Amino acid sequence: MKLKLPVIIINFKSYKETTGKNAVKLAKICESVSKQYGVSIIISPQFSDIYRVAKEVKTPIFSQHIDPVEPGKFTGHVSALSVKAAGATGTLINHSEKRLQIKEIFKCVKLAKKYRLTSVVCSDSLENARKIAKSRPDFIAFEDPELIGTLQSVSKVKPKNVKEFVRVISKSNKNVIPLCGAGVADGKDVSTSLKLGTKGVLLATAVVKSRNPRKVLIDMAHAIK
């Protein structure tokens, strides 16, 4: 799947504000802002809401995780095929709240390619980012676990780390697209992230927990435009 860069990826996580009908409501807001401002906004709802959301919007949908398994006897696991069939066009892998071992990451990226899912692998360190790049995912998002959910962006708190992350990714595999995650709060954070060399952001709290998610998204869209 080819996406227009830069991208904004909204992780719905498992909040009440993004469950069931609320997931559809936020998805429609994301789609509206994306169309109005001509920016790429990707949404990542809970597994149980992927099919429901996919029926209501044309916005790209990424699952929040896949397990390193093929279809079979894996009760409770999430296969790449299942999220693809539900309507997802991509997937997050190794989010800080759903960690995987390096070998599992490699297998998940391979499965994502097999089922034509865009892969966004999260990394909590430069060292891991270097290793992950060898699996050839589509995107790698740099996240500092300490900043997730704090609305303190890593691009603001640790800009040198973000810049070094971009350099590391470029050197390891120039075809992998770097993203900035963890604590992205507003348009200024988005702008800073892009200036540091990333091609988009991965966030949740600033939009999902906002009383006015449309306003936050518009601010971010302006930063990209």
C-alpha atoms as a PDB file:
ATOM      1  CA  MET A   1       0.000   0.000   0.000  1.00  0.00           C
ATOM      2  CA  LYS A   2       1.460   3.344  -1.059  1.00  0.00           C
ATOM      3  CA  LEU A   3       0.825   6.232   1.308  1.00  0.00           C
ATOM      4  CA  LYS A   4       1.307   9.945   0.810  1.00  0.00           C
ATOM      5  CA  LEU A   5       3.979  11.268   3.149  1.00  0.00           C
ATOM      6  CA  PRO A   6       4.090  12.636   5.798  1.00  0.00           C
ATOM      7  CA  VAL A   7       1.609  10.483   7.711  1.00  0.00           C
ATOM      8  CA  ILE A   8      -0.271  10.847  10.980  1.00  0.00           C
ATOM      9  CA  ILE A   9      -1.098   7.536  12.645  1.00  0.00           C
ATOM     10  CA  ILE A  10      -3.698   7.596  15.403  1.00  0.00           C
ATOM     11  CA  ASN A  11      -3.551   4.618  17.753  1.00  0.00           C
ATOM     12  CA  PHE A  12      -7.014   4.165  19.261  1.00  0.00           C
ATOM     13  CA  LYS A  13      -5.621   1.834  21.972  1.00  0.00           C
ATOM     14  CA  SER A  14      -8.428   0.350  24.100  1.00  0.00           C
ATOM     15  CA  TYR A  15      -9.976   3.450  25.630  1.00  0.00           C
ATOM     16  CA  LYS A  16     -13.710   3.761  26.219  1.00  0.00           C
ATOM     17  CA  GLU A  17     -13.573   6.808  23.935  1.00  0.00           C
ATOM     18  CA  THR A  18     -12.502   4.565  21.052  1.00  0.00           C
ATOM     19  CA  THR A  19     -14.625   1.486  21.602  1.00  0.00           C
ATOM     20  CA  GLY A  20     -17.566   0.424  19.451  1.00  0.00           C
ATOM     21  CA  LYS A  21     -19.622   3.351  18.179  1.00  0.00           C
ATOM     22  CA  ASN A  22     -17.047   5.747  19.594  1.00  0.00           C
ATOM     23  CA  ALA A  23     -14.398   4.181  17.357  1.00  0.00           C
ATOM     24  CA  VAL A  24     -16.551   4.881  14.324  1.00  0.00           C
ATOM     25  CA  LYS A  25     -17.167   8.446  15.481  1.00  0.00           C
ATOM     26  CA  LEU A  26     -13.455   9.217  15.808  1.00  0.00           C
ATOM     27  CA  ALA A  27     -12.684   7.415  12.557  1.00  0.00           C
ATOM     28  CA  LYS A  28     -15.109   9.694  10.727  1.00  0.00           C
ATOM     29  CA  ILE A  29     -13.481  12.765  12.258  1.00  0.00           C
ATOM     30  CA  CYS A  30     -10.072  11.547  11.092  1.00  0.00           C
ATOM     31  CA  GLU A  31     -11.419  10.887   7.606  1.00  0.00           C
ATOM     32  CA  SER A  32     -13.030  14.326   7.432  1.00  0.00           C
ATOM     33  CA  VAL A  33      -9.847  16.168   8.424  1.00  0.00           C
ATOM     34  CA  SER A  34      -7.781  14.034   6.060  1.00  0.00           C
ATOM     35  CA  LYS A  35     -10.004  14.917   3.117  1.00  0.00           C
ATOM     36  CA  GLN A  36     -10.329  18.586   4.010  1.00  0.00           C
ATOM     37  CA  TYR A  37      -6.608  19.214   4.380  1.00  0.00           C
ATOM     38  CA  GLY A  38      -5.209  16.620   2.003  1.00  0.00           C
ATOM     39  CA  VAL A  39      -3.024  14.894   4.604  1.00  0.00           C
ATOM     40  CA  SER A  40      -2.584  11.179   5.225  1.00  0.00           C
ATOM     41  CA  ILE A  41      -4.237  10.098   8.461  1.00  0.00           C
ATOM     42  CA  ILE A  42      -4.152   6.423   9.388  1.00  0.00           C
ATOM     43  CA  ILE A  43      -6.252   4.967  12.179  1.00  0.00           C
ATOM     44  CA  SER A  44      -5.516   1.950  14.370  1.00  0.00           C
ATOM     45  CA  PRO A  45      -8.649   0.735  16.180  1.00  0.00           C
ATOM     46  CA  GLN A  46      -9.042  -2.306  18.413  1.00  0.00           C
ATOM     47  CA  PHE A  47      -9.285  -5.677  16.659  1.00  0.00           C
ATOM     48  CA  SER A  48     -12.975  -5.973  17.522  1.00  0.00           C
ATOM     49  CA  ASP A  49     -13.696  -2.657  15.799  1.00  0.00           C
ATOM     50  CA  ILE A  50     -11.696  -3.045  12.573  1.00  0.00           C
ATOM     51  CA  TYR A  51     -14.561  -4.562  10.578  1.00  0.00           C
ATOM     52  CA  ARG A  52     -17.098  -2.087  11.981  1.00  0.00           C
ATOM     53  CA  VAL A  53     -14.888   0.920  11.207  1.00  0.00           C
ATOM     54  CA  ALA A  54     -13.869  -0.357   7.759  1.00  0.00           C
ATOM     55  CA  LYS A  55     -17.536  -0.434   6.737  1.00  0.00           C
ATOM     56  CA  GLU A  56     -17.961   3.249   7.649  1.00  0.00           C
ATOM     57  CA  VAL A  57     -14.795   4.995   6.391  1.00  0.00           C
ATOM     58  CA  LYS A  58     -12.236   4.719   3.607  1.00  0.00           C
ATOM     59  CA  THR A  59      -9.408   5.926   5.831  1.00  0.00           C
ATOM     60  CA  PRO A  60      -6.489   3.449   5.943  1.00  0.00           C
ATOM     61  CA  ILE A  61      -6.878   1.127   8.927  1.00  0.00           C
ATOM     62  CA  PHE A  62      -3.946  -0.535  10.698  1.00  0.00           C
ATOM     63  CA  SER A  63      -4.354  -3.218  13.347  1.00  0.00           C
ATOM     64  CA  GLN A  64      -2.662  -2.567  16.680  1.00  0.00           C
ATOM     65  CA  HIS A  65      -0.722  -5.826  16.605  1.00  0.00           C
ATOM     66  CA  ILE A  66      -0.327  -9.183  14.895  1.00  0.00           C
ATOM     67  CA  ASP A  67       1.102 -12.361  16.339  1.00  0.00           C
ATOM     68  CA  PRO A  68       3.884 -14.266  14.555  1.00  0.00           C
ATOM     69  CA  VAL A  69       1.553 -17.090  13.536  1.00  0.00           C
ATOM     70  CA  GLU A  70      -0.084 -18.402  10.400  1.00  0.00           C
ATOM     71  CA  PRO A  71      -3.776 -19.383  10.494  1.00  0.00           C
ATOM     72  CA  GLY A  72      -4.201 -22.539  12.576  1.00  0.00           C
ATOM     73  CA  LYS A  73      -4.468 -23.818  16.138  1.00  0.00           C
ATOM     74  CA  PHE A  74      -3.608 -20.580  17.919  1.00  0.00           C
ATOM     75  CA  THR A  75      -6.522 -19.737  20.214  1.00  0.00           C
ATOM     76  CA  GLY A  76      -6.409 -16.123  21.367  1.00  0.00           C
ATOM     77  CA  HIS A  77      -3.787 -15.114  18.818  1.00  0.00           C
ATOM     78  CA  VAL A  78      -4.233 -12.510  16.089  1.00  0.00           C
ATOM     79  CA  SER A  79      -3.117 -13.534  12.617  1.00  0.00           C
ATOM     80  CA  ALA A  80      -2.153 -11.205   9.790  1.00  0.00           C
ATOM     81  CA  LEU A  81      -4.768 -12.885   7.616  1.00  0.00           C
ATOM     82  CA  SER A  82      -7.546 -12.171  10.130  1.00  0.00           C
ATOM     83  CA  VAL A  83      -6.902  -8.430  10.330  1.00  0.00           C
ATOM     84  CA  LYS A  84      -6.536  -8.261   6.551  1.00  0.00           C
ATOM     85  CA  ALA A  85      -9.892 -10.006   6.122  1.00  0.00           C
ATOM     86  CA  ALA A  86     -11.476  -7.614   8.631  1.00  0.00           C
ATOM     87  CA  GLY A  87     -10.467  -4.600   6.544  1.00  0.00           C
ATOM     88  CA  ALA A  88      -7.019  -3.579   7.765  1.00  0.00           C
ATOM     89  CA  THR A  89      -4.414  -2.452   5.244  1.00  0.00           C
ATOM     90  CA  GLY A  90      -1.509  -2.375   7.667  1.00  0.00           C
ATOM     91  CA  THR A  91      -0.448  -3.152  11.208  1.00  0.00           C
ATOM     92  CA  LEU A  92       1.539  -1.873  14.144  1.00  0.00           C
ATOM     93  CA  ILE A  93       4.175  -4.287  15.419  1.00  0.00           C
ATOM     94  CA  ASN A  94       6.071  -4.244  18.728  1.00  0.00           C
ATOM     95  CA  HIS A  95       4.293  -1.306  20.317  1.00  0.00           C
ATOM     96  CA  SER A  96       5.673  -0.561  23.781  1.00  0.00           C
ATOM     97  CA  GLU A  97       2.448  -1.951  25.260  1.00  0.00           C
ATOM     98  CA  LYS A  98       2.693  -5.149  23.214  1.00  0.00           C
ATOM     99  CA  ARG A  99       6.370  -6.037  23.015  1.00  0.00           C
ATOM    100  CA  LEU A 100       7.826  -8.815  20.881  1.00  0.00           C
ATOM    101  CA  GLN A 101      11.221 -10.475  20.682  1.00  0.00           C
ATOM    102  CA  ILE A 102      13.440  -9.577  17.711  1.00  0.00           C
ATOM    103  CA  LYS A 103      12.841 -12.978  16.088  1.00  0.00           C
ATOM    104  CA  GLU A 104       9.091 -12.477  16.458  1.00  0.00           C
ATOM    105  CA  ILE A 105       9.315  -9.010  14.916  1.00  0.00           C
ATOM    106  CA  PHE A 106      11.094 -10.425  11.886  1.00  0.00           C
ATOM    107  CA  LYS A 107       8.410 -13.078  11.461  1.00  0.00           C
ATOM    108  CA  CYS A 108       5.602 -10.534  11.860  1.00  0.00           C
ATOM    109  CA  VAL A 109       7.126  -8.257   9.225  1.00  0.00           C
ATOM    110  CA  LYS A 110       7.445 -11.251   6.907  1.00  0.00           C
ATOM    111  CA  LEU A 111       3.792 -12.167   7.492  1.00  0.00           C
ATOM    112  CA  ALA A 112       2.730  -8.557   6.914  1.00  0.00           C
ATOM    113  CA  LYS A 113       4.476  -8.618   3.537  1.00  0.00           C
ATOM    114  CA  LYS A 114       2.880 -11.963   2.675  1.00  0.00           C
ATOM    115  CA  TYR A 115      -0.603 -10.636   3.339  1.00  0.00           C
ATOM    116  CA  ARG A 116       0.123  -7.217   1.842  1.00  0.00           C
ATOM    117  CA  LEU A 117      -0.135  -5.278   5.063  1.00  0.00           C
ATOM    118  CA  THR A 118       1.924  -2.129   5.576  1.00  0.00           C
ATOM    119  CA  SER A 119       4.151  -2.655   8.603  1.00  0.00           C
ATOM    120  CA  VAL A 120       4.925  -0.057  11.262  1.00  0.00           C
ATOM    121  CA  VAL A 121       7.397  -1.452  13.777  1.00  0.00           C
ATOM    122  CA  CYS A 122       7.969   0.463  17.006  1.00  0.00           C
ATOM    123  CA  SER A 123      11.405   0.726  18.589  1.00  0.00           C
ATOM    124  CA  ASP A 124      12.297   1.932  22.072  1.00  0.00           C
ATOM    125  CA  SER A 125      15.994   2.462  21.341  1.00  0.00           C
ATOM    126  CA  LEU A 126      18.480   3.270  18.604  1.00  0.00           C
ATOM    127  CA  GLU A 127      20.099  -0.133  19.017  1.00  0.00           C
ATOM    128  CA  ASN A 128      16.814  -1.954  18.480  1.00  0.00           C
ATOM    129  CA  ALA A 129      15.926   0.311  15.569  1.00  0.00           C
ATOM    130  CA  ARG A 130      19.141  -0.745  13.853  1.00  0.00           C
ATOM    131  CA  LYS A 131      18.256  -4.416  14.333  1.00  0.00           C
ATOM    132  CA  ILE A 132      14.641  -3.959  13.288  1.00  0.00           C
ATOM    133  CA  ALA A 133      15.639  -2.174  10.080  1.00  0.00           C
ATOM    134  CA  LYS A 134      17.183  -5.434   8.875  1.00  0.00           C
ATOM    135  CA  SER A 135      13.708  -6.997   8.769  1.00  0.00           C
ATOM    136  CA  ARG A 136      12.814  -4.414   6.089  1.00  0.00           C
ATOM    137  CA  PRO A 137       9.522  -3.079   7.481  1.00  0.00           C
ATOM    138  CA  ASP A 138       7.782  -0.180   5.747  1.00  0.00           C
ATOM    139  CA  PHE A 139       8.077   2.143   8.754  1.00  0.00           C
ATOM    140  CA  ILE A 140       9.895   2.249  12.076  1.00  0.00           C
ATOM    141  CA  ALA A 141       8.494   4.507  14.791  1.00  0.00           C
ATOM    142  CA  PHE A 142      10.891   5.710  17.477  1.00  0.00           C
ATOM    143  CA  GLU A 143       9.204   5.692  20.894  1.00  0.00           C
ATOM    144  CA  ASP A 144      10.633   6.468  24.288  1.00  0.00           C
ATOM    145  CA  PRO A 145       8.467   4.373  26.680  1.00  0.00           C
ATOM    146  CA  GLU A 146       8.868   6.967  29.427  1.00  0.00           C
ATOM    147  CA  LEU A 147       7.144   9.613  27.310  1.00  0.00           C
ATOM    148  CA  ILE A 148       4.186   7.620  26.009  1.00  0.00           C
ATOM    149  CA  GLY A 149       0.929   9.190  27.167  1.00  0.00           C
ATOM    150  CA  THR A 150       2.686  12.167  28.754  1.00  0.00           C
ATOM    151  CA  LEU A 151       2.081  14.705  25.959  1.00  0.00           C
ATOM    152  CA  GLN A 152       5.813  15.405  26.159  1.00  0.00           C
ATOM    153  CA  SER A 153       7.098  14.591  22.691  1.00  0.00           C
ATOM    154  CA  VAL A 154      10.444  12.886  22.256  1.00  0.00           C
ATOM    155  CA  SER A 155      11.105  15.410  19.475  1.00  0.00           C
ATOM    156  CA  LYS A 156      10.912  18.156  22.103  1.00  0.00           C
ATOM    157  CA  VAL A 157      12.513  16.403  25.067  1.00  0.00           C
ATOM    158  CA  LYS A 158      15.199  14.441  23.208  1.00  0.00           C
ATOM    159  CA  PRO A 159      15.594  15.980  19.730  1.00  0.00           C
ATOM    160  CA  LYS A 160      19.154  14.704  19.339  1.00  0.00           C
ATOM    161  CA  ASN A 161      17.911  11.151  19.794  1.00  0.00           C
ATOM    162  CA  VAL A 162      15.308  11.594  17.070  1.00  0.00           C
ATOM    163  CA  LYS A 163      17.868  13.043  14.685  1.00  0.00           C
ATOM    164  CA  GLU A 164      20.253  10.173  15.427  1.00  0.00           C
ATOM    165  CA  PHE A 165      17.394   7.704  14.935  1.00  0.00           C
ATOM    166  CA  VAL A 166      16.775   9.078  11.445  1.00  0.00           C
ATOM    167  CA  ARG A 167      20.475   8.783  10.659  1.00  0.00           C
ATOM    168  CA  VAL A 168      20.632   5.212  11.955  1.00  0.00           C
ATOM    169  CA  ILE A 169      17.613   4.143   9.911  1.00  0.00           C
ATOM    170  CA  SER A 170      18.924   5.797   6.757  1.00  0.00           C
ATOM    171  CA  LYS A 171      22.265   4.073   7.173  1.00  0.00           C
ATOM    172  CA  SER A 172      20.757   0.670   8.019  1.00  0.00           C
ATOM    173  CA  ASN A 173      18.089   0.605   5.307  1.00  0.00           C
ATOM    174  CA  LYS A 174      17.280   3.706   3.274  1.00  0.00           C
ATOM    175  CA  ASN A 175      13.965   2.190   2.166  1.00  0.00           C
ATOM    176  CA  VAL A 176      12.558   2.178   5.711  1.00  0.00           C
ATOM    177  CA  ILE A 177      10.555   5.283   6.585  1.00  0.00           C
ATOM    178  CA  PRO A 178      11.248   6.844  10.025  1.00  0.00           C
ATOM    179  CA  LEU A 179       8.400   8.041  12.235  1.00  0.00           C
ATOM    180  CA  CYS A 180       8.310   9.837  15.567  1.00  0.00           C
ATOM    181  CA  GLY A 181       6.164   8.478  18.394  1.00  0.00           C
ATOM    182  CA  ALA A 182       5.672   8.967  22.131  1.00  0.00           C
ATOM    183  CA  GLY A 183       4.083  12.086  23.563  1.00  0.00           C
ATOM    184  CA  VAL A 184       3.238  13.932  20.344  1.00  0.00           C
ATOM    185  CA  ALA A 185       0.764  16.554  21.541  1.00  0.00           C
ATOM    186  CA  ASP A 186       0.150  19.195  18.878  1.00  0.00           C
ATOM    187  CA  GLY A 187       1.052  20.708  15.531  1.00  0.00           C
ATOM    188  CA  LYS A 188       4.287  22.118  16.879  1.00  0.00           C
ATOM    189  CA  ASP A 189       5.445  18.647  17.881  1.00  0.00           C
ATOM    190  CA  VAL A 190       4.559  17.363  14.426  1.00  0.00           C
ATOM    191  CA  SER A 191       6.457  20.187  12.758  1.00  0.00           C
ATOM    192  CA  THR A 192       9.504  19.610  14.967  1.00  0.00           C
ATOM    193  CA  SER A 193       9.447  15.901  14.220  1.00  0.00           C
ATOM    194  CA  LEU A 194       9.432  16.552  10.491  1.00  0.00           C
ATOM    195  CA  LYS A 195      12.258  19.079  10.744  1.00  0.00           C
ATOM    196  CA  LEU A 196      14.333  16.434  12.528  1.00  0.00           C
ATOM    197  CA  GLY A 197      13.953  14.189   9.503  1.00  0.00           C
ATOM    198  CA  THR A 198      11.019  11.899  10.259  1.00  0.00           C
ATOM    199  CA  LYS A 199       8.198  11.383   7.775  1.00  0.00           C
ATOM    200  CA  GLY A 200       5.302  11.424  10.183  1.00  0.00           C
ATOM    201  CA  VAL A 201       4.094  10.709  13.697  1.00  0.00           C
ATOM    202  CA  LEU A 202       2.438   7.952  15.693  1.00  0.00           C
ATOM    203  CA  LEU A 203       0.278   9.127  18.589  1.00  0.00           C
ATOM    204  CA  ALA A 204      -2.750   8.377  20.714  1.00  0.00           C
ATOM    205  CA  THR A 205      -3.496  10.427  23.836  1.00  0.00           C
ATOM    206  CA  ALA A 206      -3.502  13.903  22.285  1.00  0.00           C
ATOM    207  CA  VAL A 207      -6.346  12.932  19.949  1.00  0.00           C
ATOM    208  CA  VAL A 208      -8.082  10.009  21.635  1.00  0.00           C
ATOM    209  CA  LYS A 209      -8.442  11.685  25.041  1.00  0.00           C
ATOM    210  CA  SER A 210      -9.123  15.178  23.703  1.00  0.00           C
ATOM    211  CA  ARG A 211     -12.492  16.860  24.198  1.00  0.00           C
ATOM    212  CA  ASN A 212     -12.081  18.210  20.676  1.00  0.00           C
ATOM    213  CA  PRO A 213     -10.104  15.703  18.575  1.00  0.00           C
ATOM    214  CA  ARG A 214     -10.991  17.507  15.353  1.00  0.00           C
ATOM    215  CA  LYS A 215      -9.288  20.675  16.571  1.00  0.00           C
ATOM    216  CA  VAL A 216      -6.140  18.746  17.517  1.00  0.00           C
ATOM    217  CA  LEU A 217      -6.059  16.974  14.153  1.00  0.00           C
ATOM    218  CA  ILE A 218      -6.530  20.213  12.242  1.00  0.00           C
ATOM    219  CA  ASP A 219      -3.632  21.753  14.138  1.00  0.00           C
ATOM    220  CA  MET A 220      -1.467  18.792  13.144  1.00  0.00           C
ATOM    221  CA  ALA A 221      -2.687  18.924   9.554  1.00  0.00           C
ATOM    222  CA  HIS A 222      -1.679  22.575   9.330  1.00  0.00           C
ATOM    223  CA  ALA A 223       1.791  21.633  10.578  1.00  0.00           C
ATOM    224  CA  ILE A 224       2.156  19.234   7.675  1.00  0.00           C
ATOM    225  CA  LYS A 225       0.699  21.556   5.053  1.00  0.00           C
END
